[in-house]
């Protein structure tokens, strides 16, 4: 009796894991929903820390690099 219950629980868990794996392989929707949920919370801003940090950042825009393609610039922060 206990053996049957354990096998049933293990079988259900394996089926759930297989369904989730297949869902992520077949469609981008599950990943999109997880990312959307992760970034849907409140935005935390600390203006004082931002002001101190931004003054320490240097920016080099449109730095060229060798490339076979026409768009060969990069911005470096």
Protein backbone atom coordinates (compact mmCIF):
# COMPACT_ATOMS: atom_id res chain seq x y z
CA UNK A 1 0.00 0.00 0.00
CA UNK A 2 2.74 2.47 1.00
CA UNK A 3 4.80 1.43 -2.01
CA UNK A 4 1.91 2.23 -4.36
CA UNK A 5 1.41 5.67 -2.79
CA UNK A 6 5.12 6.49 -3.07
CA UNK A 7 5.22 5.34 -6.70
CA UNK A 8 2.09 7.39 -7.46
CA UNK A 9 3.57 10.54 -5.87
CA UNK A 10 6.89 10.06 -7.69
CA UNK A 11 5.01 9.48 -10.96
CA UNK A 12 3.00 12.69 -10.52
CA UNK A 13 6.15 14.69 -9.73
CA UNK A 14 7.94 13.31 -12.78
CA UNK A 15 4.93 14.14 -14.95
CA UNK A 16 4.80 17.72 -13.62
CA UNK A 17 8.51 18.24 -14.24
CA UNK A 18 8.18 16.79 -17.76
CA UNK A 19 5.22 19.06 -18.57
CA UNK A 20 7.07 22.16 -17.34
CA UNK A 21 10.19 21.20 -19.30
CA UNK A 22 8.21 20.62 -22.48
CA UNK A 23 6.34 23.90 -22.04
CA UNK A 24 9.62 25.83 -21.82
CA UNK A 25 11.01 24.03 -24.88
CA UNK A 26 7.96 24.44 -27.09
CA UNK A 27 6.96 28.03 -26.33
CA UNK A 28 8.66 31.24 -25.16
CA UNK A 29 5.51 32.20 -23.22
CA UNK A 30 6.42 30.59 -19.86
CA UNK A 31 9.79 32.37 -19.81
CA UNK A 32 8.18 35.64 -20.83
CA UNK A 33 5.64 35.35 -18.03
CA UNK A 34 8.36 34.69 -15.45
CA UNK A 35 10.45 37.66 -16.61
CA UNK A 36 7.37 39.88 -16.76
CA UNK A 37 6.47 38.90 -13.20
CA UNK A 38 10.02 39.51 -11.97
CA UNK A 39 10.03 43.10 -13.24
CA UNK A 40 6.45 44.04 -12.36
CA UNK A 41 7.21 45.20 -8.81
CA UNK A 42 7.84 48.69 -7.52
CA UNK A 43 10.86 50.55 -8.82
CA UNK A 44 13.27 51.32 -6.03
CA UNK A 45 15.22 54.54 -6.52
CA UNK A 46 17.81 56.14 -4.34
CA UNK A 47 18.44 59.57 -5.82
CA UNK A 48 21.32 60.37 -3.47
CA UNK A 49 23.23 57.20 -4.34
CA UNK A 50 22.44 57.70 -8.04
CA UNK A 51 23.93 61.20 -7.93
CA UNK A 52 27.11 59.93 -6.28
CA UNK A 53 27.44 57.00 -8.65
CA UNK A 54 26.72 58.80 -11.92
CA UNK A 55 29.49 61.29 -11.22
CA UNK A 56 31.99 58.39 -11.15
CA UNK A 57 30.91 56.97 -14.52
CA UNK A 58 32.76 58.01 -17.65
CA UNK A 59 31.20 57.57 -21.08
CA UNK A 60 32.93 57.06 -24.42
CA UNK A 61 30.35 57.14 -27.21
CA UNK A 62 30.70 55.93 -30.79
CA UNK A 63 34.07 54.22 -30.32
CA UNK A 64 34.99 52.51 -33.61
CA UNK A 65 36.33 48.99 -33.80
CA UNK A 66 37.46 46.85 -36.75
CA UNK A 67 34.57 45.01 -38.37
CA UNK A 68 33.39 43.67 -41.70
CA UNK A 69 30.02 45.35 -41.12
CA UNK A 70 29.05 48.99 -41.53
CA UNK A 71 27.86 49.49 -37.95
CA UNK A 72 31.10 49.18 -36.03
CA UNK A 73 30.77 51.59 -33.13
CA UNK A 74 30.14 50.96 -29.46
CA UNK A 75 29.39 53.05 -26.39
CA UNK A 76 31.57 52.29 -23.38
CA UNK A 77 30.45 53.15 -19.86
